[in-house]
C-alpha atoms as a PDB file:
ATOM      1  CA  MET A   1      17.282  -6.975  31.376  1.00  0.00           C
ATOM      2  CA  LYS A   2      18.948  -4.590  29.002  1.00  0.00           C
ATOM      3  CA  ASN A   3      17.426  -6.572  26.146  1.00  0.00           C
ATOM      4  CA  TYR A   4      13.968  -5.832  27.373  1.00  0.00           C
ATOM      5  CA  GLN A   5      14.709  -2.233  27.871  1.00  0.00           C
ATOM      6  CA  LEU A   6      16.079  -1.938  24.169  1.00  0.00           C
ATOM      7  CA  ILE A   7      12.875  -3.676  22.843  1.00  0.00           C
ATOM      8  CA  PHE A   8      10.643  -1.421  25.026  1.00  0.00           C
ATOM      9  CA  ALA A   9      12.552   1.576  23.639  1.00  0.00           C
ATOM     10  CA  VAL A  10      12.256   0.510  19.952  1.00  0.00           C
ATOM     11  CA  ILE A  11       8.560  -0.162  20.332  1.00  0.00           C
ATOM     12  CA  PHE A  12       7.796   3.057  22.174  1.00  0.00           C
ATOM     13  CA  THR A  13       9.766   5.005  19.408  1.00  0.00           C
ATOM     14  CA  SER A  14       7.813   3.147  16.581  1.00  0.00           C
ATOM     15  CA  LEU A  15       4.519   4.016  18.387  1.00  0.00           C
ATOM     16  CA  THR A  16       5.667   7.534  18.771  1.00  0.00           C
ATOM     17  CA  LEU A  17       6.252   8.100  15.002  1.00  0.00           C
ATOM     18  CA  LEU A  18       2.859   6.630  13.942  1.00  0.00           C
ATOM     19  CA  SER A  19       0.270   9.011  15.466  1.00  0.00           C
ATOM     20  CA  CYS A  20      -0.848  10.920  18.727  1.00  0.00           C
ATOM     21  CA  ASP A  21      -3.988  10.759  20.657  1.00  0.00           C
ATOM     22  CA  ARG A  22      -5.671  14.050  20.130  1.00  0.00           C
ATOM     23  CA  ASN A  23      -7.098  13.941  23.587  1.00  0.00           C
ATOM     24  CA  ALA A  24      -3.632  13.676  25.039  1.00  0.00           C
ATOM     25  CA  SER A  25      -2.284  16.714  26.923  1.00  0.00           C
ATOM     26  CA  ARG A  26      -1.755  19.650  24.494  1.00  0.00           C
ATOM     27  CA  SER A  27       0.259  21.927  26.586  1.00  0.00           C
ATOM     28  CA  SER A  28       3.636  22.304  24.959  1.00  0.00           C
ATOM     29  CA  ASP A  29       5.490  22.392  28.279  1.00  0.00           C
ATOM     30  CA  THR A  30       3.687  19.219  29.552  1.00  0.00           C
ATOM     31  CA  GLN A  31       4.250  17.508  26.118  1.00  0.00           C
ATOM     32  CA  SER A  32       8.061  18.208  26.070  1.00  0.00           C
ATOM     33  CA  ASN A  33       8.658  17.508  29.665  1.00  0.00           C
ATOM     34  CA  ASN A  34       6.342  14.410  30.135  1.00  0.00           C
ATOM     35  CA  ASN A  35       5.955  12.494  27.068  1.00  0.00           C
ATOM     36  CA  SER A  36       4.361   9.685  28.875  1.00  0.00           C
ATOM     37  CA  GLN A  37       1.204  11.744  29.450  1.00  0.00           C
ATOM     38  CA  SER A  38       0.695  11.705  25.440  1.00  0.00           C
ATOM     39  CA  GLN A  39      -1.019   8.526  25.027  1.00  0.00           C
ATOM     40  CA  MET A  40      -0.096   6.958  21.694  1.00  0.00           C
ATOM     41  CA  ASN A  41      -2.595   5.110  19.502  1.00  0.00           C
ATOM     42  CA  SER A  42      -0.949   1.760  19.163  1.00  0.00           C
ATOM     43  CA  GLY A  43      -3.501   0.568  16.586  1.00  0.00           C
ATOM     44  CA  ALA A  44      -2.675   3.365  14.078  1.00  0.00           C
ATOM     45  CA  ASN A  45      -0.698   2.775  10.899  1.00  0.00           C
ATOM     46  CA  SER A  46       0.013   4.587   7.818  1.00  0.00           C
ATOM     47  CA  SER A  47      -1.600   1.952   5.703  1.00  0.00           C
ATOM     48  CA  ASP A  48      -5.001   2.486   3.894  1.00  0.00           C
ATOM     49  CA  GLU A  49      -7.752   2.635   6.557  1.00  0.00           C
ATOM     50  CA  SER A  50     -11.124   0.952   5.961  1.00  0.00           C
ATOM     51  CA  SER A  51     -13.678   3.698   6.630  1.00  0.00           C
ATOM     52  CA  SER A  52     -17.177   4.376   6.398  1.00  0.00           C
ATOM     53  CA  PHE A  53     -16.416   7.249   4.165  1.00  0.00           C
ATOM     54  CA  ASP A  54     -15.360   5.282   1.230  1.00  0.00           C
ATOM     55  CA  ASN A  55     -16.516   6.987  -1.981  1.00  0.00           C
ATOM     56  CA  GLN A  56     -19.073   9.047   0.003  1.00  0.00           C
ATOM     57  CA  LEU A  57     -19.257  12.919  -0.483  1.00  0.00           C
ATOM     58  CA  ALA A  58     -16.910  14.706   1.934  1.00  0.00           C
ATOM     59  CA  PRO A  59     -18.638  16.405   4.699  1.00  0.00           C
ATOM     60  CA  GLY A  60     -18.643  20.072   3.811  1.00  0.00           C
ATOM     61  CA  PHE A  61     -17.222  22.692   6.157  1.00  0.00           C
ATOM     62  CA  THR A  62     -16.517  26.391   6.405  1.00  0.00           C
ATOM     63  CA  LEU A  63     -13.879  27.078   8.938  1.00  0.00           C
ATOM     64  CA  VAL A  64     -11.626  30.136   9.787  1.00  0.00           C
ATOM     65  CA  ASP A  65      -8.084  30.122   8.798  1.00  0.00           C
ATOM     66  CA  THR A  66      -5.032  31.526  10.660  1.00  0.00           C
ATOM     67  CA  GLN A  67      -5.630  34.922   9.103  1.00  0.00           C
ATOM     68  CA  GLY A  68      -9.283  35.037  10.094  1.00  0.00           C
ATOM     69  CA  LYS A  69     -10.674  34.333   6.643  1.00  0.00           C
ATOM     70  CA  LYS A  70     -13.257  31.790   6.076  1.00  0.00           C
ATOM     71  CA  ILE A  71     -12.319  28.736   4.133  1.00  0.00           C
ATOM     72  CA  SER A  72     -14.972  26.332   2.550  1.00  0.00           C
ATOM     73  CA  LEU A  73     -14.284  23.005   1.373  1.00  0.00           C
ATOM     74  CA  ASP A  74     -16.696  23.659  -1.609  1.00  0.00           C
ATOM     75  CA  GLU A  75     -14.133  26.279  -2.938  1.00  0.00           C
ATOM     76  CA  TYR A  76     -11.839  23.198  -3.930  1.00  0.00           C
ATOM     77  CA  ARG A  77     -14.321  21.250  -5.971  1.00  0.00           C
ATOM     78  CA  GLY A  78     -12.782  20.293  -9.244  1.00  0.00           C
ATOM     79  CA  LYS A  79      -9.329  19.726  -7.402  1.00  0.00           C
ATOM     80  CA  ILE A  80      -7.840  16.664  -5.397  1.00  0.00           C
ATOM     81  CA  VAL A  81      -7.987  17.716  -1.899  1.00  0.00           C
ATOM     82  CA  ILE A  82      -5.934  16.270   1.078  1.00  0.00           C
ATOM     83  CA  ILE A  83      -7.346  17.280   4.431  1.00  0.00           C
ATOM     84  CA  ASP A  84      -4.854  16.892   7.264  1.00  0.00           C
ATOM     85  CA  PHE A  85      -6.052  16.881  10.885  1.00  0.00           C
ATOM     86  CA  TRP A  86      -2.938  17.836  12.823  1.00  0.00           C
ATOM     87  CA  ALA A  87      -1.795  19.853  15.876  1.00  0.00           C
ATOM     88  CA  THR A  88       1.639  21.582  16.559  1.00  0.00           C
ATOM     89  CA  TRP A  89       2.369  19.445  19.607  1.00  0.00           C
ATOM     90  CA  CYS A  90       2.075  16.216  17.624  1.00  0.00           C
ATOM     91  CA  PRO A  91       5.602  14.778  16.772  1.00  0.00           C
ATOM     92  CA  PRO A  92       4.309  12.709  13.755  1.00  0.00           C
ATOM     93  CA  CYS A  93       2.193  15.540  12.542  1.00  0.00           C
ATOM     94  CA  ARG A  94       5.463  17.623  12.382  1.00  0.00           C
ATOM     95  CA  LYS A  95       7.324  15.104  10.694  1.00  0.00           C
ATOM     96  CA  GLY A  96       4.630  14.864   7.765  1.00  0.00           C
ATOM     97  CA  ILE A  97       4.214  18.405   7.111  1.00  0.00           C
ATOM     98  CA  PRO A  98       7.261  18.662   4.828  1.00  0.00           C
ATOM     99  CA  ASP A  99       5.823  16.195   2.544  1.00  0.00           C
ATOM    100  CA  LEU A 100       2.494  18.147   2.389  1.00  0.00           C
ATOM    101  CA  ILE A 101       4.418  21.282   1.684  1.00  0.00           C
ATOM    102  CA  ASN A 102       6.123  19.432  -1.275  1.00  0.00           C
ATOM    103  CA  ILE A 103       2.923  17.964  -2.560  1.00  0.00           C
ATOM    104  CA  GLN A 104       1.327  21.380  -2.627  1.00  0.00           C
ATOM    105  CA  LYS A 105       4.301  22.883  -4.398  1.00  0.00           C
ATOM    106  CA  GLU A 106       4.568  19.917  -6.993  1.00  0.00           C
ATOM    107  CA  TYR A 107       0.832  19.733  -7.722  1.00  0.00           C
ATOM    108  CA  LYS A 108      -0.334  23.211  -6.983  1.00  0.00           C
ATOM    109  CA  ASN A 109      -2.781  23.415  -9.944  1.00  0.00           C
ATOM    110  CA  LYS A 110      -4.257  19.916  -9.310  1.00  0.00           C
ATOM    111  CA  VAL A 111      -4.205  19.421  -5.624  1.00  0.00           C
ATOM    112  CA  ALA A 112      -5.027  21.529  -2.549  1.00  0.00           C
ATOM    113  CA  VAL A 113      -3.798  20.542   0.826  1.00  0.00           C
ATOM    114  CA  ILE A 114      -5.864  21.929   3.761  1.00  0.00           C
ATOM    115  CA  GLY A 115      -4.614  21.613   7.139  1.00  0.00           C
ATOM    116  CA  ILE A 116      -7.142  21.448  10.109  1.00  0.00           C
ATOM    117  CA  SER A 117      -5.403  22.331  13.308  1.00  0.00           C
ATOM    118  CA  LEU A 118      -6.651  20.697  16.509  1.00  0.00           C
ATOM    119  CA  ASP A 119      -4.537  22.953  18.654  1.00  0.00           C
ATOM    120  CA  THR A 120      -6.490  24.469  21.400  1.00  0.00           C
ATOM    121  CA  ASP A 121      -4.368  25.125  24.360  1.00  0.00           C
ATOM    122  CA  THR A 122      -1.553  25.787  21.916  1.00  0.00           C
ATOM    123  CA  LYS A 123      -3.591  27.725  19.314  1.00  0.00           C
ATOM    124  CA  LYS A 124      -1.167  30.567  19.786  1.00  0.00           C
ATOM    125  CA  ASP A 125       1.593  28.563  18.537  1.00  0.00           C
ATOM    126  CA  VAL A 126       0.156  27.702  15.033  1.00  0.00           C
ATOM    127  CA  VAL A 127       1.020  30.794  13.015  1.00  0.00           C
ATOM    128  CA  PRO A 128       4.686  30.951  14.319  1.00  0.00           C
ATOM    129  CA  PHE A 129       4.897  27.167  13.680  1.00  0.00           C
ATOM    130  CA  MET A 130       3.547  27.735  10.091  1.00  0.00           C
ATOM    131  CA  LYS A 131       6.042  30.466   9.432  1.00  0.00           C
ATOM    132  CA  ASN A 132       8.883  28.307  10.869  1.00  0.00           C
ATOM    133  CA  MET A 133       7.977  25.299   8.807  1.00  0.00           C
ATOM    134  CA  GLY A 134       7.286  27.180   5.536  1.00  0.00           C
ATOM    135  CA  ILE A 135       3.630  25.909   5.231  1.00  0.00           C
ATOM    136  CA  ASN A 136       2.326  26.996   1.774  1.00  0.00           C
ATOM    137  CA  TYR A 137      -1.258  25.935   2.145  1.00  0.00           C
ATOM    138  CA  PRO A 138      -4.329  27.032   4.147  1.00  0.00           C
ATOM    139  CA  VAL A 139      -4.526  26.053   7.864  1.00  0.00           C
ATOM    140  CA  VAL A 140      -7.954  26.410   9.381  1.00  0.00           C
ATOM    141  CA  TYR A 141      -9.014  25.904  13.076  1.00  0.00           C
ATOM    142  CA  ALA A 142     -11.042  22.760  13.756  1.00  0.00           C
ATOM    143  CA  ASN A 143     -14.432  22.899  15.601  1.00  0.00           C
ATOM    144  CA  SER A 144     -16.271  20.166  17.147  1.00  0.00           C
ATOM    145  CA  GLN A 145     -18.580  19.658  14.082  1.00  0.00           C
ATOM    146  CA  VAL A 146     -15.861  19.059  11.690  1.00  0.00           C
ATOM    147  CA  VAL A 147     -14.131  16.544  13.971  1.00  0.00           C
ATOM    148  CA  GLN A 148     -17.506  14.821  14.403  1.00  0.00           C
ATOM    149  CA  ASP A 149     -18.396  14.959  10.738  1.00  0.00           C
ATOM    150  CA  TYR A 150     -15.086  13.236   9.877  1.00  0.00           C
ATOM    151  CA  GLY A 151     -15.611  10.348  12.167  1.00  0.00           C
ATOM    152  CA  ASN A 152     -14.630  11.784  15.590  1.00  0.00           C
ATOM    153  CA  VAL A 153     -10.982  12.053  14.717  1.00  0.00           C
ATOM    154  CA  GLU A 154      -9.094  10.495  17.684  1.00  0.00           C
ATOM    155  CA  ALA A 155      -5.576  10.053  16.561  1.00  0.00           C
ATOM    156  CA  ILE A 156      -3.422  12.511  14.446  1.00  0.00           C
ATOM    157  CA  PRO A 157      -2.236  12.977  11.901  1.00  0.00           C
ATOM    158  CA  THR A 158      -5.414  11.644  10.119  1.00  0.00           C
ATOM    159  CA  SER A 159      -5.769  12.566   6.458  1.00  0.00           C
ATOM    160  CA  PHE A 160      -8.460  12.164   3.920  1.00  0.00           C
ATOM    161  CA  VAL A 161      -7.967  12.212   0.154  1.00  0.00           C
ATOM    162  CA  ILE A 162     -10.925  13.610  -1.690  1.00  0.00           C
ATOM    163  CA  ASN A 163     -11.307  13.428  -5.473  1.00  0.00           C
ATOM    164  CA  LYS A 164     -12.359  16.025  -7.961  1.00  0.00           C
ATOM    165  CA  GLU A 165     -16.011  15.248  -7.395  1.00  0.00           C
ATOM    166  CA  GLY A 166     -15.801  15.738  -3.628  1.00  0.00           C
ATOM    167  CA  LYS A 167     -15.827  12.224  -2.658  1.00  0.00           C
ATOM    168  CA  ILE A 168     -13.545  10.599   0.003  1.00  0.00           C
ATOM    169  CA  VAL A 169     -11.329   8.007  -1.798  1.00  0.00           C
ATOM    170  CA  ASN A 170      -9.111   7.295   1.196  1.00  0.00           C
ATOM    171  CA  GLN A 171      -8.340   7.843   4.721  1.00  0.00           C
ATOM    172  CA  HIS A 172      -4.999   7.587   6.495  1.00  0.00           C
ATOM    173  CA  ILE A 173      -4.426   7.288  10.285  1.00  0.00           C
ATOM    174  CA  GLY A 174      -1.026   8.070  11.316  1.00  0.00           C
ATOM    175  CA  LEU A 175       2.038   9.234   9.644  1.00  0.00           C
ATOM    176  CA  THR A 176       1.603   8.763   5.877  1.00  0.00           C
ATOM    177  CA  PRO A 177       4.573   8.415   3.409  1.00  0.00           C
ATOM    178  CA  LYS A 178       4.624  10.888   0.716  1.00  0.00           C
ATOM    179  CA  GLU A 179       4.764   8.129  -1.881  1.00  0.00           C
ATOM    180  CA  THR A 180       1.417   6.912  -0.731  1.00  0.00           C
ATOM    181  CA  TYR A 181      -0.137  10.402  -1.356  1.00  0.00           C
ATOM    182  CA  ILE A 182       1.685  10.630  -4.702  1.00  0.00           C
ATOM    183  CA  ASN A 183       0.324   7.336  -5.858  1.00  0.00           C
ATOM    184  CA  GLU A 184      -3.204   8.104  -5.046  1.00  0.00           C
ATOM    185  CA  ILE A 185      -2.968  11.567  -6.617  1.00  0.00           C
ATOM    186  CA  ASN A 186      -1.529  10.025  -9.934  1.00  0.00           C
ATOM    187  CA  LYS A 187      -4.238   7.453  -9.772  1.00  0.00           C
ATOM    188  CA  LEU A 188      -7.007  10.028  -9.461  1.00  0.00           C
ATOM    189  CA  LEU A 189      -5.256  11.927 -12.295  1.00  0.00           C
ATOM    190  CA  GLY A 190      -5.150   8.952 -14.424  1.00  0.00           C
ATOM    191  CA  ARG A 191      -1.359   8.633 -14.439  1.00  0.00           C
ATOM    192  CA  SER A 192      -1.183   5.198 -12.601  1.00  0.00           C
END
């Protein structure tokens, strides 16, 4: 019986580290007190995901950032862009943010990271969370249109890598290792 409990614990922990269902409860109290209500997307992984977006022009958007300023994807044409759909209540999202901070720092003139927050009930937590984490890239608030345009994002983190021409070259569902992003960036910069 103990072996089954151990196996269950290992499987549950692994799934927890991969991704969060964005439709799960977003209340920070509920999230921390009842993790079982947060349904995990068991099919998600950090490997490259086949998508209908491959090499298509990334859907444009203009969204409001945490300071009330409008941010448009078009402003970043000519740079490699990583769009990261995330939320403050999502443990894998929180775990991946330091890697995105480092990528923004290391490639600041060639790569732009844009965080798209899916926080709704916890929207008030975004700015303090950003300050606490030291997020050095713009974070905008999602609307239903951008979620729909990017394939009805259902699990987070979900990220999209966009080349300098504005085309989606990769989509990742779940926690993605920094090395994966670095390899993709270097390939797009011709450094592979």
